[in-house]
């Protein structure tokens, strides 16, 4: 299709799979990374076609987010599709159930997750949308949310809240940007088998995770990428405002 695509958090996992899916369709991709440049370069090497670029920067800084959007647009000749995938994900080091952490750690967990998972996505959305509006060009924005926004994240409440807010933000933008020909939708994956989650999928813990779905397995990055590809396509524009569950019926709402 030869569009310009900016995928944030594309050093590996879901972001890498999304970048690969767009490149396979003939699009040019800006592969964003925060700190893992080696991973982003690995993604870049996997992409089919030509014209792909790296776009590095800590999106917690609004000025950096604006620069990333500008650099991607300059390198690609315009960003037609933004995928807000970058996130601070739940890990052992940022677990913050109220009974288990100090007030200082509680505040830090919220700040870290809100700054990246919500505010960075909001800032990038403004930067990309305004350029599309000024160009008079149609486009698409897809947010990568989470099942946790609906199911709850008792050990990572800031994560669940940030993803719920991201879904709501996307729906607001779907209404605001539709008159400009810009579609906005979100996906809400459940557990996905990325390299970062490999340890959780071994032994009894892994069996318990797989048993959450009646399919007896977890999702794959490629399945998430396929949904993002559709929502960002011209054929998917009528799904603007949707939040698509991708959890193998492990959580119904």
Protein backbone atom coordinates (compact mmCIF):
# COMPACT_ATOMS: atom_id res chain seq x y z
CA UNK A 1 0.00 0.00 0.00
CA UNK A 2 3.07 2.24 0.39
CA UNK A 3 1.85 4.25 3.36
CA UNK A 4 4.02 5.74 6.10
CA UNK A 5 3.54 3.87 9.39
CA UNK A 6 4.86 4.83 12.85
CA UNK A 7 4.86 1.91 15.30
CA UNK A 8 5.93 2.78 18.84
CA UNK A 9 7.60 0.22 21.06
CA UNK A 10 8.66 -1.90 18.09
CA UNK A 11 11.92 -3.36 19.43
CA UNK A 12 10.28 -6.76 19.85
CA UNK A 13 7.11 -8.62 20.75
CA UNK A 14 3.80 -7.21 19.56
CA UNK A 15 5.36 -4.05 18.16
CA UNK A 16 7.80 -6.01 16.04
CA UNK A 17 5.02 -8.23 14.68
CA UNK A 18 2.96 -5.15 13.80
CA UNK A 19 5.89 -3.55 11.99
CA UNK A 20 6.50 -6.78 10.05
CA UNK A 21 2.83 -7.03 9.06
CA UNK A 22 2.72 -3.52 7.63
CA UNK A 23 6.02 -3.95 5.80
CA UNK A 24 4.78 -7.19 4.25
CA UNK A 25 1.86 -5.20 2.80
CA UNK A 26 4.25 -2.77 1.11
CA UNK A 27 4.16 0.03 3.68
CA UNK A 28 7.19 1.96 4.93
CA UNK A 29 7.65 1.70 8.68
CA UNK A 30 9.28 3.91 11.30
CA UNK A 31 10.38 1.51 14.04
CA UNK A 32 10.29 3.37 17.34
CA UNK A 33 12.29 2.29 20.36
CA UNK A 34 12.79 3.76 23.81
CA UNK A 35 16.07 2.30 25.06
CA UNK A 36 16.48 -0.97 23.16
CA UNK A 37 18.14 0.20 19.94
CA UNK A 38 19.61 -3.25 19.29
CA UNK A 39 16.13 -4.76 19.36
CA UNK A 40 14.82 -2.06 17.03
CA UNK A 41 17.66 -2.68 14.60
CA UNK A 42 16.74 -6.36 14.73
CA UNK A 43 13.17 -5.46 13.81
CA UNK A 44 14.42 -3.28 10.97
CA UNK A 45 16.39 -6.19 9.51
CA UNK A 46 13.28 -8.35 9.46
CA UNK A 47 11.13 -5.92 7.49
CA UNK A 48 10.30 -6.70 3.88
CA UNK A 49 10.75 -3.97 1.31
CA UNK A 50 12.62 -0.69 1.54
CA UNK A 51 12.34 2.77 3.07
CA UNK A 52 12.05 1.71 6.71
CA UNK A 53 13.72 3.81 9.42
CA UNK A 54 14.50 3.86 13.13
CA UNK A 55 12.91 6.44 15.41
CA UNK A 56 14.35 6.49 18.92
CA UNK A 57 13.35 8.45 21.99
CA UNK A 58 11.83 8.38 25.47
CA UNK A 59 8.17 9.17 24.86
CA UNK A 60 7.61 10.25 28.46
CA UNK A 61 9.05 13.61 27.41
CA UNK A 62 6.45 15.52 25.35
CA UNK A 63 9.19 17.27 23.38
CA UNK A 64 10.72 13.92 22.46
CA UNK A 65 7.33 12.56 21.41
CA UNK A 66 6.93 15.54 19.09
CA UNK A 67 10.41 14.98 17.67
CA UNK A 68 9.75 11.28 17.06
CA UNK A 69 6.58 12.14 15.14
CA UNK A 70 8.39 14.83 13.15
CA UNK A 71 11.41 12.65 12.36
CA UNK A 72 9.18 9.78 11.24
CA UNK A 73 7.13 12.08 9.01
CA UNK A 74 10.24 13.59 7.45
CA UNK A 75 11.86 10.21 6.83
CA UNK A 76 8.74 8.53 5.44
CA UNK A 77 7.31 11.46 3.54
CA UNK A 78 4.42 11.62 6.00
CA UNK A 79 2.89 9.36 8.64
CA UNK A 80 -0.43 7.95 7.48
CA UNK A 81 -0.89 5.45 10.30
CA UNK A 82 0.14 5.67 13.96
CA UNK A 83 0.17 2.57 16.15
CA UNK A 84 0.43 3.47 19.84
CA UNK A 85 2.00 0.29 21.14
CA UNK A 86 4.74 1.53 23.49
CA UNK A 87 3.91 0.78 27.12
CA UNK A 88 5.31 0.16 30.56
CA UNK A 89 4.11 -3.41 31.05
CA UNK A 90 3.47 -5.31 34.30
CA UNK A 91 6.64 -6.86 35.67
CA UNK A 92 7.84 -8.07 39.03
CA UNK A 93 9.74 -4.86 39.67
CA UNK A 94 6.70 -2.62 39.18
CA UNK A 95 4.07 -4.68 41.03
CA UNK A 96 2.17 -2.23 43.21
CA UNK A 97 -0.73 -3.83 45.06
CA UNK A 98 -1.59 -1.31 47.82
CA UNK A 99 -0.86 -3.74 50.65
CA UNK A 100 2.62 -4.52 49.32
CA UNK A 101 4.29 -1.22 48.41
CA UNK A 102 5.21 2.07 50.01
CA UNK A 103 3.39 5.28 49.15
CA UNK A 104 6.46 6.47 47.22
CA UNK A 105 6.59 3.27 45.16
CA UNK A 106 2.85 3.49 44.57
CA UNK A 107 3.19 7.00 43.16
CA UNK A 108 6.16 6.03 41.00
CA UNK A 109 4.33 3.10 39.45
CA UNK A 110 1.39 5.30 38.54
CA UNK A 111 3.60 8.02 37.08
CA UNK A 112 5.65 5.58 35.00
CA UNK A 113 2.62 3.85 33.52
CA UNK A 114 0.43 6.87 32.95
CA UNK A 115 3.26 8.86 31.34
CA UNK A 116 3.98 6.20 28.71
CA UNK A 117 0.77 4.20 28.34
CA UNK A 118 -1.57 7.18 28.15
CA UNK A 119 0.09 10.59 27.88
CA UNK A 120 2.71 9.58 25.32
CA UNK A 121 -0.01 8.05 23.16
CA UNK A 122 -2.12 11.21 23.52
CA UNK A 123 0.80 13.44 22.56
CA UNK A 124 1.76 11.35 19.54
CA UNK A 125 -1.86 11.22 18.45
CA UNK A 126 -2.03 15.02 18.46
CA UNK A 127 1.24 15.33 16.55
CA UNK A 128 0.30 12.81 13.86
CA UNK A 129 -3.34 13.89 13.58
CA UNK A 130 -2.47 17.56 13.18
CA UNK A 131 -0.07 16.77 10.36
CA UNK A 132 -2.74 14.68 8.64
CA UNK A 133 -5.29 17.47 9.06
CA UNK A 134 -2.87 20.06 7.71
CA UNK A 135 -2.13 17.80 4.71
CA UNK A 136 -5.82 17.20 4.15
CA UNK A 137 -5.01 13.49 4.14
CA UNK A 138 -6.94 10.54 5.57
CA UNK A 139 -5.25 8.26 8.06
CA UNK A 140 -5.64 5.84 10.93
CA UNK A 141 -4.58 5.54 14.54
CA UNK A 142 -4.66 2.22 16.39
CA UNK A 143 -4.07 1.98 20.14
CA UNK A 144 -2.82 -1.22 21.72
CA UNK A 145 -4.74 -1.51 24.96
CA UNK A 146 -5.36 -4.53 27.18
CA UNK A 147 -7.84 -7.03 28.52
CA UNK A 148 -6.74 -5.75 31.92
CA UNK A 149 -8.72 -2.56 31.31
CA UNK A 150 -11.89 -4.63 31.68
CA UNK A 151 -10.87 -7.59 33.82
CA UNK A 152 -8.94 -5.58 36.39
CA UNK A 153 -5.28 -5.69 37.39
CA UNK A 154 -5.19 -6.00 41.20
CA UNK A 155 -1.39 -6.21 41.37
CA UNK A 156 -0.89 -3.57 38.65
CA UNK A 157 -3.83 -1.16 39.03
CA UNK A 158 -2.02 1.67 37.24
CA UNK A 159 -1.59 -0.55 34.20
CA UNK A 160 -5.28 -1.47 34.07
CA UNK A 161 -6.30 2.15 34.57
CA UNK A 162 -3.89 3.46 31.94
CA UNK A 163 -5.20 1.00 29.36
CA UNK A 164 -8.83 1.76 30.21
CA UNK A 165 -8.04 5.44 29.75
CA UNK A 166 -6.31 4.67 26.45
CA UNK A 167 -9.44 2.92 25.19
CA UNK A 168 -11.61 5.87 26.24
CA UNK A 169 -9.18 8.34 24.69
CA UNK A 170 -9.31 6.42 21.42
CA UNK A 171 -13.08 6.58 21.35
CA UNK A 172 -13.03 10.33 21.97
CA UNK A 173 -10.55 10.75 19.14
CA UNK A 174 -12.66 8.57 16.85
CA UNK A 175 -15.44 11.13 17.11
CA UNK A 176 -13.14 14.17 17.00
CA UNK A 177 -11.11 13.05 13.99
CA UNK A 178 -13.74 11.37 11.81
CA UNK A 179 -14.65 14.66 10.08
CA UNK A 180 -11.02 14.80 8.94
CA UNK A 181 -11.06 11.27 7.51
CA UNK A 182 -8.99 9.81 10.35
CA UNK A 183 -10.17 6.53 11.87
CA UNK A 184 -9.22 5.63 15.44
CA UNK A 185 -9.67 2.21 17.05
CA UNK A 186 -8.11 0.07 19.76
CA UNK A 187 -7.26 -3.56 20.36
CA UNK A 188 -7.43 -5.14 23.81
CA UNK A 189 -5.19 -8.22 23.86
CA UNK A 190 -5.19 -10.80 26.60
CA UNK A 191 -2.06 -12.77 27.43
CA UNK A 192 0.26 -12.84 24.42
CA UNK A 193 3.23 -15.19 23.97
CA UNK A 194 6.09 -12.73 23.59
CA UNK A 195 9.70 -13.36 24.56
CA UNK A 196 9.18 -11.24 27.67
CA UNK A 197 6.41 -13.59 28.83
CA UNK A 198 8.23 -16.85 28.06
CA UNK A 199 9.05 -17.61 31.70
CA UNK A 200 5.38 -17.33 32.70
CA UNK A 201 4.41 -19.96 30.15
CA UNK A 202 6.55 -22.74 31.62
CA UNK A 203 5.41 -25.38 34.11
CA UNK A 204 2.27 -25.05 36.20
CA UNK A 205 2.03 -21.23 35.91
CA UNK A 206 1.99 -21.58 32.13
CA UNK A 207 -0.75 -24.21 32.25
CA UNK A 208 -2.86 -21.91 34.41
CA UNK A 209 -2.41 -19.01 31.99
CA UNK A 210 -3.36 -21.15 28.99
CA UNK A 211 -6.40 -22.46 30.83
CA UNK A 212 -7.82 -18.93 31.03
CA UNK A 213 -8.98 -19.38 27.44
CA UNK A 214 -11.34 -22.17 26.36
CA UNK A 215 -8.98 -22.63 23.41
CA UNK A 216 -6.35 -23.80 25.90
CA UNK A 217 -3.65 -21.47 24.63
CA UNK A 218 -2.53 -17.85 24.65
CA UNK A 219 -2.47 -15.35 21.83
CA UNK A 220 0.40 -14.64 19.47
CA UNK A 221 1.92 -11.30 18.42
CA UNK A 222 0.96 -12.12 14.84
CA UNK A 223 -2.73 -12.37 15.78
CA UNK A 224 -2.61 -8.93 17.36
CA UNK A 225 -0.76 -7.59 14.32
CA UNK A 226 -3.42 -8.96 11.96
CA UNK A 227 -6.14 -7.10 13.87
CA UNK A 228 -4.14 -3.87 13.88
CA UNK A 229 -3.53 -4.22 10.15
CA UNK A 230 -7.27 -4.51 9.51
CA UNK A 231 -8.25 -1.59 11.76
CA UNK A 232 -5.65 0.61 10.06
CA UNK A 233 -6.80 -0.36 6.56
CA UNK A 234 -9.25 1.63 4.43
CA UNK A 235 -11.64 -1.33 4.76
CA UNK A 236 -11.46 -1.03 8.55
CA UNK A 237 -12.38 2.65 8.74
CA UNK A 238 -16.01 1.85 9.60
CA UNK A 239 -14.72 0.18 12.78
CA UNK A 240 -13.53 3.56 14.05
CA UNK A 241 -14.35 3.87 17.75
CA UNK A 242 -14.20 0.12 18.33
CA UNK A 243 -12.25 -1.63 21.06
CA UNK A 244 -11.57 -5.12 19.71
CA UNK A 245 -11.08 -7.88 22.30
CA UNK A 246 -8.28 -10.28 21.39
CA UNK A 247 -8.25 -12.69 24.29
CA UNK A 248 -9.54 -16.05 23.05
CA UNK A 249 -12.76 -15.71 25.07
CA UNK A 250 -10.73 -15.64 28.29
CA UNK A 251 -12.69 -12.56 29.37
CA UNK A 252 -16.11 -11.63 28.03
CA UNK A 253 -17.85 -8.28 28.45
